[in-house]
Amino acid sequence: MKRTLIAALAATFVLTAACTTFARPLQFDGKVQYQHRINTKEGTADAIENRWKFVLNGKAENFAKNMKLYFRMSAETLNGDTQSSRDFNSFPGQDDNDRSVISFLDQFGIEIQNAGWNYKIGRQDAFIGANGLIYDSAYGIGKHIFADGITITGKSGVTNISATALQLDQYGHNDPKIYAFAASYNPSKDLAVGTTLVKLNGDKLTTDKKFWDVNSSYNITNKLNVYGEYAKSDAATYNKSYVYGINYDVDKKNSLWTCYTNVERSGNIVDNWSTTTYDNNAKGMYYGFGHKFDKTTTLNLFYSRMEKIETVGSVPAGTKFTSFRSTLTYKF
């Protein structure tokens, strides 16, 4: 109830202030996206899913000195024999048969810039680990998939710094909290190295954990990049995760990438939506291709071939599963 009231008040504040106090108008951008997905898993029927996604971002640059407002509206429609559809306006397990939902203001807040540092305060996505290995909700959409809190980014000397304190909004009460600190620097023009420290306070809804992470990337040429990341938690078993991969820009319009990922059950943060870029309790390959038709329109193809690391519930270790996704995006 408190969060609903806070969200409503924040929305009213953002929109009212935007309409009455700005010398310049609000700025908008966004995207319309269609995705066709085919998922397979040993022992189950194939699942075919079609989804439409709409995102509208708004910002007001001159709300106050060194301060801007941000907010986002989104909608998503899912249909088909899907394994992943859900109602992002409810908490998991509630009204999950509602597949087409508009999530009014699923992100909102303020950003403050001061002395080279940026402070983002409000409802926002989270990207923890250089490649989102520990936690990543940046791809998400919906009222309860994001978190409330603050993210601070800046530079101290030659070191890039990021600090995050966020509370999830996926359980209805006493939501878990994530605290993260990351640092990275460039020993040379083409080499980057970094580390991340994370604390998860589960508040009895999920297990408390601590993580540490090391990561690196290297530009072999201006078209070819390699990267790697390794993370470990303080869980007693199945506590590691890692990813290494290659990105290659074929030309100005086409790109290829691939990576191998191995994420054990306690090797990253899995919330109530199972929000994560990399499949938990799984190892295998991801492959991707991107094509830019023009500045606004892109086509992305994705294929993963994975297998389960350990037996969980009725799904035995070694179970193989795949996902193919074709995504067409128009940005405006």
C-alpha atoms as a PDB file:
ATOM      1  CA  MET A   1       0.000   0.000   0.000  1.00  0.00           C
ATOM      2  CA  LYS A   2       2.799   2.397   0.912  1.00  0.00           C
ATOM      3  CA  ARG A   3       4.613   1.678  -2.327  1.00  0.00           C
ATOM      4  CA  THR A   4       1.423   2.178  -4.354  1.00  0.00           C
ATOM      5  CA  LEU A   5       0.872   5.547  -2.681  1.00  0.00           C
ATOM      6  CA  ILE A   6       4.508   6.569  -3.177  1.00  0.00           C
ATOM      7  CA  ALA A   7       4.368   5.584  -6.833  1.00  0.00           C
ATOM      8  CA  ALA A   8       1.148   7.539  -7.356  1.00  0.00           C
ATOM      9  CA  LEU A   9       2.523  10.623  -5.615  1.00  0.00           C
ATOM     10  CA  ALA A  10       5.780  10.410  -7.560  1.00  0.00           C
ATOM     11  CA  ALA A  11       3.901  10.083 -10.827  1.00  0.00           C
ATOM     12  CA  THR A  12       1.724  13.073  -9.987  1.00  0.00           C
ATOM     13  CA  PHE A  13       4.773  15.091  -8.960  1.00  0.00           C
ATOM     14  CA  VAL A  14       6.732  14.206 -12.082  1.00  0.00           C
ATOM     15  CA  LEU A  15       3.937  14.988 -14.506  1.00  0.00           C
ATOM     16  CA  THR A  16       2.668  18.112 -12.721  1.00  0.00           C
ATOM     17  CA  ALA A  17       6.145  19.568 -12.327  1.00  0.00           C
ATOM     18  CA  ALA A  18       6.985  18.728 -15.900  1.00  0.00           C
ATOM     19  CA  CYS A  19       3.929  20.504 -17.236  1.00  0.00           C
ATOM     20  CA  THR A  20       4.225  23.650 -15.121  1.00  0.00           C
ATOM     21  CA  THR A  21       7.834  24.508 -14.327  1.00  0.00           C
ATOM     22  CA  PHE A  22      10.017  23.722 -17.310  1.00  0.00           C
ATOM     23  CA  ALA A  23      11.333  26.350 -19.675  1.00  0.00           C
ATOM     24  CA  ARG A  24      11.880  23.644 -22.268  1.00  0.00           C
ATOM     25  CA  PRO A  25       9.395  20.881 -23.106  1.00  0.00           C
ATOM     26  CA  LEU A  26       9.681  17.285 -22.029  1.00  0.00           C
ATOM     27  CA  GLN A  27      11.829  15.045 -24.195  1.00  0.00           C
ATOM     28  CA  PHE A  28      10.569  11.641 -25.274  1.00  0.00           C
ATOM     29  CA  ASP A  29      12.030   8.599 -26.966  1.00  0.00           C
ATOM     30  CA  GLY A  30      11.176   4.934 -26.994  1.00  0.00           C
ATOM     31  CA  LYS A  31      10.764   1.761 -28.977  1.00  0.00           C
ATOM     32  CA  VAL A  32       8.269  -0.699 -30.385  1.00  0.00           C
ATOM     33  CA  GLN A  33       9.480  -4.285 -30.435  1.00  0.00           C
ATOM     34  CA  TYR A  34       8.207  -7.606 -31.752  1.00  0.00           C
ATOM     35  CA  GLN A  35       9.786 -10.898 -30.738  1.00  0.00           C
ATOM     36  CA  HIS A  36       9.127 -14.464 -31.876  1.00  0.00           C
ATOM     37  CA  ARG A  37      10.517 -17.078 -29.505  1.00  0.00           C
ATOM     38  CA  ILE A  38      10.790 -20.873 -29.654  1.00  0.00           C
ATOM     39  CA  ASN A  39      11.832 -22.679 -26.463  1.00  0.00           C
ATOM     40  CA  THR A  40      12.602 -26.391 -26.222  1.00  0.00           C
ATOM     41  CA  LYS A  41      13.410 -28.562 -23.209  1.00  0.00           C
ATOM     42  CA  GLU A  42      13.903 -32.288 -22.911  1.00  0.00           C
ATOM     43  CA  GLY A  43      10.839 -33.968 -21.457  1.00  0.00           C
ATOM     44  CA  THR A  44       8.440 -31.108 -22.245  1.00  0.00           C
ATOM     45  CA  ALA A  45       6.578 -29.857 -25.300  1.00  0.00           C
ATOM     46  CA  ASP A  46       8.126 -27.065 -27.353  1.00  0.00           C
ATOM     47  CA  ALA A  47       6.835 -23.597 -26.479  1.00  0.00           C
ATOM     48  CA  ILE A  48       6.235 -20.899 -29.106  1.00  0.00           C
ATOM     49  CA  GLU A  49       5.757 -17.336 -27.942  1.00  0.00           C
ATOM     50  CA  ASN A  50       5.026 -14.010 -29.628  1.00  0.00           C
ATOM     51  CA  ARG A  51       5.381 -10.766 -27.760  1.00  0.00           C
ATOM     52  CA  TRP A  52       4.895  -7.093 -28.523  1.00  0.00           C
ATOM     53  CA  LYS A  53       6.628  -4.530 -26.356  1.00  0.00           C
ATOM     54  CA  PHE A  54       6.182  -0.757 -26.179  1.00  0.00           C
ATOM     55  CA  VAL A  55       8.415   1.559 -24.141  1.00  0.00           C
ATOM     56  CA  LEU A  56       8.122   5.352 -23.837  1.00  0.00           C
ATOM     57  CA  ASN A  57      10.905   7.187 -21.980  1.00  0.00           C
ATOM     58  CA  GLY A  58      10.426  10.742 -20.766  1.00  0.00           C
ATOM     59  CA  LYS A  59      12.831  13.204 -19.207  1.00  0.00           C
ATOM     60  CA  ALA A  60      12.903  16.821 -18.146  1.00  0.00           C
ATOM     61  CA  GLU A  61      16.463  18.089 -18.271  1.00  0.00           C
ATOM     62  CA  ASN A  62      16.056  21.412 -16.458  1.00  0.00           C
ATOM     63  CA  PHE A  63      13.836  20.619 -13.507  1.00  0.00           C
ATOM     64  CA  ALA A  64      16.413  22.302 -11.260  1.00  0.00           C
ATOM     65  CA  LYS A  65      20.122  23.099 -11.339  1.00  0.00           C
ATOM     66  CA  ASN A  66      22.082  19.919 -12.131  1.00  0.00           C
ATOM     67  CA  MET A  67      18.889  17.883 -11.811  1.00  0.00           C
ATOM     68  CA  LYS A  68      16.535  16.132 -14.228  1.00  0.00           C
ATOM     69  CA  LEU A  69      13.417  14.031 -13.882  1.00  0.00           C
ATOM     70  CA  TYR A  70      13.008  10.698 -15.628  1.00  0.00           C
ATOM     71  CA  PHE A  71      10.019   8.430 -16.080  1.00  0.00           C
ATOM     72  CA  ARG A  72       8.988   5.525 -18.276  1.00  0.00           C
ATOM     73  CA  MET A  73       5.740   3.974 -19.475  1.00  0.00           C
ATOM     74  CA  SER A  74       5.615   0.459 -20.898  1.00  0.00           C
ATOM     75  CA  ALA A  75       3.282  -2.211 -22.214  1.00  0.00           C
ATOM     76  CA  GLU A  76       3.737  -5.822 -23.257  1.00  0.00           C
ATOM     77  CA  THR A  77       1.507  -8.420 -24.881  1.00  0.00           C
ATOM     78  CA  LEU A  78       2.361 -12.119 -24.730  1.00  0.00           C
ATOM     79  CA  ASN A  79       0.635 -14.988 -26.479  1.00  0.00           C
ATOM     80  CA  GLY A  80       1.342 -18.541 -27.532  1.00  0.00           C
ATOM     81  CA  ASP A  81       2.433 -21.741 -25.804  1.00  0.00           C
ATOM     82  CA  THR A  82       4.759 -19.742 -23.648  1.00  0.00           C
ATOM     83  CA  GLN A  83       6.905 -20.857 -20.745  1.00  0.00           C
ATOM     84  CA  SER A  84       7.642 -17.346 -19.585  1.00  0.00           C
ATOM     85  CA  SER A  85       4.558 -15.134 -19.818  1.00  0.00           C
ATOM     86  CA  ARG A  86       3.400 -13.396 -16.661  1.00  0.00           C
ATOM     87  CA  ASP A  87       1.505 -10.383 -15.429  1.00  0.00           C
ATOM     88  CA  PHE A  88       4.080  -7.752 -14.590  1.00  0.00           C
ATOM     89  CA  ASN A  89       1.455  -5.661 -12.779  1.00  0.00           C
ATOM     90  CA  SER A  90       1.034  -8.285 -10.054  1.00  0.00           C
ATOM     91  CA  PHE A  91       3.382 -10.130  -7.758  1.00  0.00           C
ATOM     92  CA  PRO A  92       4.414 -13.630  -8.849  1.00  0.00           C
ATOM     93  CA  GLY A  93       1.598 -16.094  -8.284  1.00  0.00           C
ATOM     94  CA  GLN A  94      -1.127 -13.438  -8.458  1.00  0.00           C
ATOM     95  CA  ASP A  95      -3.349 -13.052 -11.540  1.00  0.00           C
ATOM     96  CA  ASP A  96      -0.756 -14.734 -13.745  1.00  0.00           C
ATOM     97  CA  ASN A  97      -3.353 -15.428 -16.440  1.00  0.00           C
ATOM     98  CA  ASP A  98      -3.423 -11.736 -17.420  1.00  0.00           C
ATOM     99  CA  ARG A  99      -0.942 -11.557 -20.301  1.00  0.00           C
ATOM    100  CA  SER A 100      -1.510  -8.050 -21.699  1.00  0.00           C
ATOM    101  CA  VAL A 101      -0.712  -5.295 -19.234  1.00  0.00           C
ATOM    102  CA  ILE A 102       0.107  -1.597 -19.411  1.00  0.00           C
ATOM    103  CA  SER A 103       2.528  -0.740 -16.603  1.00  0.00           C
ATOM    104  CA  PHE A 104       2.112   2.968 -15.973  1.00  0.00           C
ATOM    105  CA  LEU A 105       5.394   4.541 -14.854  1.00  0.00           C
ATOM    106  CA  ASP A 106       7.424   1.405 -14.264  1.00  0.00           C
ATOM    107  CA  GLN A 107      10.488   3.639 -13.791  1.00  0.00           C
ATOM    108  CA  PHE A 108      10.577   7.150 -12.331  1.00  0.00           C
ATOM    109  CA  GLY A 109      12.775   9.413 -10.248  1.00  0.00           C
ATOM    110  CA  ILE A 110      15.451  12.094 -10.419  1.00  0.00           C
ATOM    111  CA  GLU A 111      19.068  12.265 -11.568  1.00  0.00           C
ATOM    112  CA  ILE A 112      21.515  14.727 -10.049  1.00  0.00           C
ATOM    113  CA  GLN A 113      24.877  15.610 -11.602  1.00  0.00           C
ATOM    114  CA  ASN A 114      27.482  17.217  -9.376  1.00  0.00           C
ATOM    115  CA  ALA A 115      31.264  17.506  -9.728  1.00  0.00           C
ATOM    116  CA  GLY A 116      31.493  14.666 -12.222  1.00  0.00           C
ATOM    117  CA  TRP A 117      29.259  12.306 -10.227  1.00  0.00           C
ATOM    118  CA  ASN A 118      25.771  11.125 -11.132  1.00  0.00           C
ATOM    119  CA  TYR A 119      23.124  10.211  -8.547  1.00  0.00           C
ATOM    120  CA  LYS A 120      20.069   8.322  -9.782  1.00  0.00           C
ATOM    121  CA  ILE A 121      17.303   8.134  -7.179  1.00  0.00           C
ATOM    122  CA  GLY A 122      13.992   6.361  -7.695  1.00  0.00           C
ATOM    123  CA  ARG A 123      12.583   3.264  -9.341  1.00  0.00           C
ATOM    124  CA  GLN A 124      15.182   1.926 -11.767  1.00  0.00           C
ATOM    125  CA  ASP A 125      16.716  -1.141 -13.350  1.00  0.00           C
ATOM    126  CA  ALA A 126      19.848  -2.795 -11.985  1.00  0.00           C
ATOM    127  CA  PHE A 127      22.934  -4.082 -13.800  1.00  0.00           C
ATOM    128  CA  ILE A 128      25.435  -5.697 -11.418  1.00  0.00           C
ATOM    129  CA  GLY A 129      28.686  -7.120 -12.720  1.00  0.00           C
ATOM    130  CA  ALA A 130      30.484  -5.837 -15.797  1.00  0.00           C
ATOM    131  CA  ASN A 131      28.276  -8.054 -17.976  1.00  0.00           C
ATOM    132  CA  GLY A 132      25.288  -8.299 -15.644  1.00  0.00           C
ATOM    133  CA  LEU A 133      26.519 -11.688 -14.446  1.00  0.00           C
ATOM    134  CA  ILE A 134      25.379 -11.255 -10.840  1.00  0.00           C
ATOM    135  CA  TYR A 135      22.066  -9.484 -11.523  1.00  0.00           C
ATOM    136  CA  ASP A 136      20.452  -7.766 -14.502  1.00  0.00           C
ATOM    137  CA  SER A 137      16.935  -6.358 -14.832  1.00  0.00           C
ATOM    138  CA  ALA A 138      17.780  -3.829 -17.576  1.00  0.00           C
ATOM    139  CA  TYR A 139      15.864  -5.809 -20.212  1.00  0.00           C
ATOM    140  CA  GLY A 140      12.741  -5.943 -18.039  1.00  0.00           C
ATOM    141  CA  ILE A 141       9.355  -4.365 -18.339  1.00  0.00           C
ATOM    142  CA  GLY A 142       6.563  -3.930 -15.817  1.00  0.00           C
ATOM    143  CA  LYS A 143       5.481  -2.493 -12.512  1.00  0.00           C
ATOM    144  CA  HIS A 144       7.196  -4.949 -10.174  1.00  0.00           C
ATOM    145  CA  ILE A 145      10.330  -6.028 -12.018  1.00  0.00           C
ATOM    146  CA  PHE A 146      12.420  -2.979 -11.080  1.00  0.00           C
ATOM    147  CA  ALA A 147      13.822  -1.749  -7.764  1.00  0.00           C
ATOM    148  CA  ASP A 148      13.707   1.376  -5.596  1.00  0.00           C
ATOM    149  CA  GLY A 149      16.854   3.087  -4.395  1.00  0.00           C
ATOM    150  CA  ILE A 150      19.958   4.945  -5.508  1.00  0.00           C
ATOM    151  CA  THR A 151      22.809   4.355  -7.950  1.00  0.00           C
ATOM    152  CA  ILE A 152      25.929   6.540  -7.826  1.00  0.00           C
ATOM    153  CA  THR A 153      28.432   6.593 -10.690  1.00  0.00           C
ATOM    154  CA  GLY A 154      31.548   8.640 -11.259  1.00  0.00           C
ATOM    155  CA  LYS A 155      35.319   8.628 -11.465  1.00  0.00           C
ATOM    156  CA  SER A 156      37.994   8.940  -8.813  1.00  0.00           C
ATOM    157  CA  GLY A 157      41.326   9.576 -10.470  1.00  0.00           C
ATOM    158  CA  VAL A 158      41.713   6.821 -13.066  1.00  0.00           C
ATOM    159  CA  THR A 159      39.140   4.536 -11.430  1.00  0.00           C
ATOM    160  CA  ASN A 160      35.511   4.266 -12.513  1.00  0.00           C
ATOM    161  CA  ILE A 161      33.243   3.859  -9.478  1.00  0.00           C
ATOM    162  CA  SER A 162      29.675   2.608  -9.119  1.00  0.00           C
ATOM    163  CA  ALA A 163      27.701   2.160  -5.889  1.00  0.00           C
ATOM    164  CA  THR A 164      24.158   0.808  -5.677  1.00  0.00           C
ATOM    165  CA  ALA A 165      21.607   0.397  -2.881  1.00  0.00           C
ATOM    166  CA  LEU A 166      18.291  -0.994  -4.107  1.00  0.00           C
ATOM    167  CA  GLN A 167      15.213  -2.720  -2.706  1.00  0.00           C
ATOM    168  CA  LEU A 168      13.261  -5.099  -4.922  1.00  0.00           C
ATOM    169  CA  ASP A 169       9.475  -4.833  -5.283  1.00  0.00           C
ATOM    170  CA  GLN A 170       8.468  -8.385  -6.141  1.00  0.00           C
ATOM    171  CA  TYR A 171       7.286 -10.041  -2.953  1.00  0.00           C
ATOM    172  CA  GLY A 172       4.683  -7.648  -1.566  1.00  0.00           C
ATOM    173  CA  HIS A 173       6.412  -6.983   1.763  1.00  0.00           C
ATOM    174  CA  ASN A 174       9.909  -6.936   3.290  1.00  0.00           C
ATOM    175  CA  ASP A 175      11.504  -7.130  -0.127  1.00  0.00           C
ATOM    176  CA  PRO A 176      15.176  -8.149  -0.402  1.00  0.00           C
ATOM    177  CA  LYS A 177      17.819  -5.444  -0.665  1.00  0.00           C
ATOM    178  CA  ILE A 178      20.880  -5.395  -2.916  1.00  0.00           C
ATOM    179  CA  TYR A 179      24.018  -3.394  -2.114  1.00  0.00           C
ATOM    180  CA  ALA A 180      26.810  -3.311  -4.686  1.00  0.00           C
ATOM    181  CA  PHE A 181      30.124  -1.541  -5.200  1.00  0.00           C
ATOM    182  CA  ALA A 182      32.095  -1.771  -8.452  1.00  0.00           C
ATOM    183  CA  ALA A 183      35.436  -0.345  -9.538  1.00  0.00           C
ATOM    184  CA  SER A 184      37.265  -0.569 -12.852  1.00  0.00           C
ATOM    185  CA  TYR A 185      40.091   1.112 -14.702  1.00  0.00           C
ATOM    186  CA  ASN A 186      41.980   0.953 -17.984  1.00  0.00           C
ATOM    187  CA  PRO A 187      45.671  -0.042 -17.688  1.00  0.00           C
ATOM    188  CA  SER A 188      45.878   0.694 -21.410  1.00  0.00           C
ATOM    189  CA  LYS A 189      43.629   2.105 -24.100  1.00  0.00           C
ATOM    190  CA  ASP A 190      42.251  -1.298 -25.084  1.00  0.00           C
ATOM    191  CA  LEU A 191      42.280  -3.148 -21.745  1.00  0.00           C
ATOM    192  CA  ALA A 192      39.775  -2.809 -18.892  1.00  0.00           C
ATOM    193  CA  VAL A 193      39.843  -4.646 -15.554  1.00  0.00           C
ATOM    194  CA  GLY A 194      37.405  -4.441 -12.686  1.00  0.00           C
ATOM    195  CA  THR A 195      35.863  -5.945  -9.587  1.00  0.00           C
ATOM    196  CA  THR A 196      32.435  -5.970  -7.940  1.00  0.00           C
ATOM    197  CA  LEU A 197      31.352  -6.599  -4.339  1.00  0.00           C
ATOM    198  CA  VAL A 198      27.705  -7.374  -3.586  1.00  0.00           C
ATOM    199  CA  LYS A 199      25.597  -8.001  -0.487  1.00  0.00           C
ATOM    200  CA  LEU A 200      22.090  -9.448  -0.725  1.00  0.00           C
ATOM    201  CA  ASN A 201      19.840  -9.033   2.314  1.00  0.00           C
ATOM    202  CA  GLY A 202      17.087 -11.583   1.759  1.00  0.00           C
ATOM    203  CA  ASP A 203      14.818 -10.449   4.629  1.00  0.00           C
ATOM    204  CA  LYS A 204      13.814 -14.109   5.168  1.00  0.00           C
ATOM    205  CA  LEU A 205      12.285 -14.295   1.656  1.00  0.00           C
ATOM    206  CA  THR A 206      15.518 -15.475   0.071  1.00  0.00           C
ATOM    207  CA  THR A 207      18.906 -16.496   1.440  1.00  0.00           C
ATOM    208  CA  ASP A 208      21.350 -13.756   2.432  1.00  0.00           C
ATOM    209  CA  LYS A 209      24.458 -13.864   0.270  1.00  0.00           C
ATOM    210  CA  LYS A 210      27.689 -12.029  -0.402  1.00  0.00           C
ATOM    211  CA  PHE A 211      29.367 -12.014  -3.815  1.00  0.00           C
ATOM    212  CA  TRP A 212      32.706 -10.975  -5.235  1.00  0.00           C
ATOM    213  CA  ASP A 213      33.462 -10.633  -8.915  1.00  0.00           C
ATOM    214  CA  VAL A 214      36.419  -9.970 -11.214  1.00  0.00           C
ATOM    215  CA  ASN A 215      36.110  -8.995 -14.861  1.00  0.00           C
ATOM    216  CA  SER A 216      38.143  -7.880 -17.840  1.00  0.00           C
ATOM    217  CA  SER A 217      37.739  -6.941 -21.490  1.00  0.00           C
ATOM    218  CA  TYR A 218      40.188  -6.317 -24.302  1.00  0.00           C
ATOM    219  CA  ASN A 219      39.810  -4.720 -27.724  1.00  0.00           C
ATOM    220  CA  ILE A 220      41.926  -6.825 -30.081  1.00  0.00           C
ATOM    221  CA  THR A 221      41.007  -4.501 -32.958  1.00  0.00           C
ATOM    222  CA  ASN A 222      38.462  -1.739 -33.368  1.00  0.00           C
ATOM    223  CA  LYS A 223      36.024  -4.449 -34.503  1.00  0.00           C
ATOM    224  CA  LEU A 224      36.902  -7.381 -32.235  1.00  0.00           C
ATOM    225  CA  ASN A 225      36.456  -7.472 -28.452  1.00  0.00           C
ATOM    226  CA  VAL A 226      36.933 -10.319 -25.962  1.00  0.00           C
ATOM    227  CA  TYR A 227      35.738 -10.338 -22.357  1.00  0.00           C
ATOM    228  CA  GLY A 228      35.445 -12.508 -19.286  1.00  0.00           C
ATOM    229  CA  GLU A 229      33.850 -12.361 -15.855  1.00  0.00           C
ATOM    230  CA  TYR A 230      33.984 -14.642 -12.798  1.00  0.00           C
ATOM    231  CA  ALA A 231      31.822 -14.392  -9.674  1.00  0.00           C
ATOM    232  CA  LYS A 232      31.516 -16.369  -6.456  1.00  0.00           C
ATOM    233  CA  SER A 233      29.124 -16.195  -3.517  1.00  0.00           C
ATOM    234  CA  ASP A 234      29.543 -17.299   0.110  1.00  0.00           C
ATOM    235  CA  ALA A 235      26.988 -20.106  -0.289  1.00  0.00           C
ATOM    236  CA  ALA A 236      28.342 -23.499   0.787  1.00  0.00           C
ATOM    237  CA  THR A 237      27.840 -25.246  -2.570  1.00  0.00           C
ATOM    238  CA  TYR A 238      27.102 -24.442  -6.231  1.00  0.00           C
ATOM    239  CA  ASN A 239      28.361 -20.917  -5.628  1.00  0.00           C
ATOM    240  CA  LYS A 240      30.240 -19.966  -8.815  1.00  0.00           C
ATOM    241  CA  SER A 241      29.407 -18.334 -12.134  1.00  0.00           C
ATOM    242  CA  TYR A 242      31.432 -17.212 -15.104  1.00  0.00           C
ATOM    243  CA  VAL A 243      31.086 -16.042 -18.680  1.00  0.00           C
ATOM    244  CA  TYR A 244      33.575 -15.389 -21.470  1.00  0.00           C
ATOM    245  CA  GLY A 245      32.825 -14.269 -24.975  1.00  0.00           C
ATOM    246  CA  ILE A 246      33.607 -12.422 -28.195  1.00  0.00           C
ATOM    247  CA  ASN A 247      31.956  -9.447 -29.917  1.00  0.00           C
ATOM    248  CA  TYR A 248      32.697  -8.783 -33.586  1.00  0.00           C
ATOM    249  CA  ASP A 249      31.493  -5.884 -35.731  1.00  0.00           C
ATOM    250  CA  VAL A 250      31.444  -7.234 -39.279  1.00  0.00           C
ATOM    251  CA  ASP A 251      30.730  -3.792 -40.708  1.00  0.00           C
ATOM    252  CA  LYS A 252      28.657  -0.730 -39.842  1.00  0.00           C
ATOM    253  CA  LYS A 253      25.394  -2.668 -40.141  1.00  0.00           C
ATOM    254  CA  ASN A 254      26.153  -6.217 -39.029  1.00  0.00           C
ATOM    255  CA  SER A 255      27.558  -7.687 -35.827  1.00  0.00           C
ATOM    256  CA  LEU A 256      28.148 -11.134 -34.341  1.00  0.00           C
ATOM    257  CA  TRP A 257      28.717 -12.316 -30.797  1.00  0.00           C
ATOM    258  CA  THR A 258      28.997 -15.538 -28.835  1.00  0.00           C
ATOM    259  CA  CYS A 259      29.754 -16.525 -25.258  1.00  0.00           C
ATOM    260  CA  TYR A 260      30.030 -19.527 -22.977  1.00  0.00           C
ATOM    261  CA  THR A 261      28.292 -19.211 -19.622  1.00  0.00           C
ATOM    262  CA  ASN A 262      28.244 -21.395 -16.525  1.00  0.00           C
ATOM    263  CA  VAL A 263      26.045 -20.193 -13.658  1.00  0.00           C
ATOM    264  CA  GLU A 264      25.552 -22.443 -10.648  1.00  0.00           C
ATOM    265  CA  ARG A 265      22.427 -22.278  -8.494  1.00  0.00           C
ATOM    266  CA  SER A 266      23.920 -19.853  -5.942  1.00  0.00           C
ATOM    267  CA  GLY A 267      26.303 -18.186  -8.385  1.00  0.00           C
ATOM    268  CA  ASN A 268      24.099 -15.149  -9.038  1.00  0.00           C
ATOM    269  CA  ILE A 269      20.992 -13.423  -7.684  1.00  0.00           C
ATOM    270  CA  VAL A 270      17.705 -15.020  -8.700  1.00  0.00           C
ATOM    271  CA  ASP A 271      14.710 -12.971  -7.575  1.00  0.00           C
ATOM    272  CA  ASN A 272      10.998 -13.794  -7.528  1.00  0.00           C
ATOM    273  CA  TRP A 273      10.738 -13.223 -11.307  1.00  0.00           C
ATOM    274  CA  SER A 274      13.929 -15.227 -11.982  1.00  0.00           C
ATOM    275  CA  THR A 275      15.327 -11.972 -13.364  1.00  0.00           C
ATOM    276  CA  THR A 276      18.742 -12.619 -14.880  1.00  0.00           C
ATOM    277  CA  THR A 277      20.490 -12.369 -18.228  1.00  0.00           C
ATOM    278  CA  TYR A 278      22.309 -15.671 -17.850  1.00  0.00           C
ATOM    279  CA  ASP A 279      20.376 -18.886 -17.211  1.00  0.00           C
ATOM    280  CA  ASN A 280      20.704 -19.946 -13.587  1.00  0.00           C
ATOM    281  CA  ASN A 281      21.747 -23.538 -12.826  1.00  0.00           C
ATOM    282  CA  ALA A 282      22.825 -23.959 -16.438  1.00  0.00           C
ATOM    283  CA  LYS A 283      25.872 -24.047 -18.682  1.00  0.00           C
ATOM    284  CA  GLY A 284      26.262 -23.715 -22.425  1.00  0.00           C
ATOM    285  CA  MET A 285      26.560 -21.383 -25.395  1.00  0.00           C
ATOM    286  CA  TYR A 286      24.791 -18.195 -26.472  1.00  0.00           C
ATOM    287  CA  TYR A 287      24.985 -16.934 -30.065  1.00  0.00           C
ATOM    288  CA  GLY A 288      23.805 -13.614 -31.461  1.00  0.00           C
ATOM    289  CA  PHE A 289      23.542 -11.673 -34.723  1.00  0.00           C
ATOM    290  CA  GLY A 290      22.510  -8.055 -35.168  1.00  0.00           C
ATOM    291  CA  HIS A 291      21.601  -6.105 -38.304  1.00  0.00           C
ATOM    292  CA  LYS A 292      20.887  -2.369 -38.554  1.00  0.00           C
ATOM    293  CA  PHE A 293      18.509  -1.498 -41.381  1.00  0.00           C
ATOM    294  CA  ASP A 294      18.904   2.197 -40.561  1.00  0.00           C
ATOM    295  CA  LYS A 295      19.240   4.453 -37.520  1.00  0.00           C
ATOM    296  CA  THR A 296      15.844   3.420 -36.179  1.00  0.00           C
ATOM    297  CA  THR A 297      15.272  -0.218 -37.145  1.00  0.00           C
ATOM    298  CA  THR A 298      17.235  -3.310 -36.102  1.00  0.00           C
ATOM    299  CA  LEU A 299      16.892  -7.085 -36.317  1.00  0.00           C
ATOM    300  CA  ASN A 300      18.488  -9.336 -33.697  1.00  0.00           C
ATOM    301  CA  LEU A 301      18.732 -13.121 -33.752  1.00  0.00           C
ATOM    302  CA  PHE A 302      19.595 -15.127 -30.638  1.00  0.00           C
ATOM    303  CA  TYR A 303      20.132 -18.829 -30.021  1.00  0.00           C
ATOM    304  CA  SER A 304      21.136 -20.608 -26.824  1.00  0.00           C
ATOM    305  CA  ARG A 305      21.959 -24.268 -26.222  1.00  0.00           C
ATOM    306  CA  MET A 306      22.158 -25.081 -22.527  1.00  0.00           C
ATOM    307  CA  GLU A 307      21.999 -27.899 -19.998  1.00  0.00           C
ATOM    308  CA  LYS A 308      21.133 -28.041 -16.304  1.00  0.00           C
ATOM    309  CA  ILE A 309      24.057 -28.296 -13.877  1.00  0.00           C
ATOM    310  CA  GLU A 310      22.320 -29.982 -10.933  1.00  0.00           C
ATOM    311  CA  THR A 311      18.999 -31.666 -10.253  1.00  0.00           C
ATOM    312  CA  VAL A 312      16.392 -29.247  -8.896  1.00  0.00           C
ATOM    313  CA  GLY A 313      12.890 -30.557  -8.250  1.00  0.00           C
ATOM    314  CA  SER A 314      11.751 -32.783 -11.094  1.00  0.00           C
ATOM    315  CA  VAL A 315      14.338 -31.448 -13.583  1.00  0.00           C
ATOM    316  CA  PRO A 316      17.456 -33.659 -13.534  1.00  0.00           C
ATOM    317  CA  ALA A 317      21.028 -32.531 -14.070  1.00  0.00           C
ATOM    318  CA  GLY A 318      22.032 -32.729 -17.716  1.00  0.00           C
ATOM    319  CA  THR A 319      18.592 -31.766 -19.046  1.00  0.00           C
ATOM    320  CA  LYS A 320      19.146 -29.886 -22.297  1.00  0.00           C
ATOM    321  CA  PHE A 321      17.130 -26.849 -23.369  1.00  0.00           C
ATOM    322  CA  THR A 322      17.331 -24.290 -26.169  1.00  0.00           C
ATOM    323  CA  SER A 323      15.879 -20.908 -27.045  1.00  0.00           C
ATOM    324  CA  PHE A 324      15.663 -19.167 -30.428  1.00  0.00           C
ATOM    325  CA  ARG A 325      14.541 -15.531 -30.564  1.00  0.00           C
ATOM    326  CA  SER A 326      14.128 -13.150 -33.483  1.00  0.00           C
ATOM    327  CA  THR A 327      13.539  -9.563 -32.422  1.00  0.00           C
ATOM    328  CA  LEU A 328      12.595  -6.606 -34.616  1.00  0.00           C
ATOM    329  CA  THR A 329      12.950  -3.201 -32.956  1.00  0.00           C
ATOM    330  CA  TYR A 330      11.898   0.265 -34.110  1.00  0.00           C
ATOM    331  CA  LYS A 331      13.237   3.194 -32.077  1.00  0.00           C
ATOM    332  CA  PHE A 332      11.773   6.682 -32.126  1.00  0.00           C
END
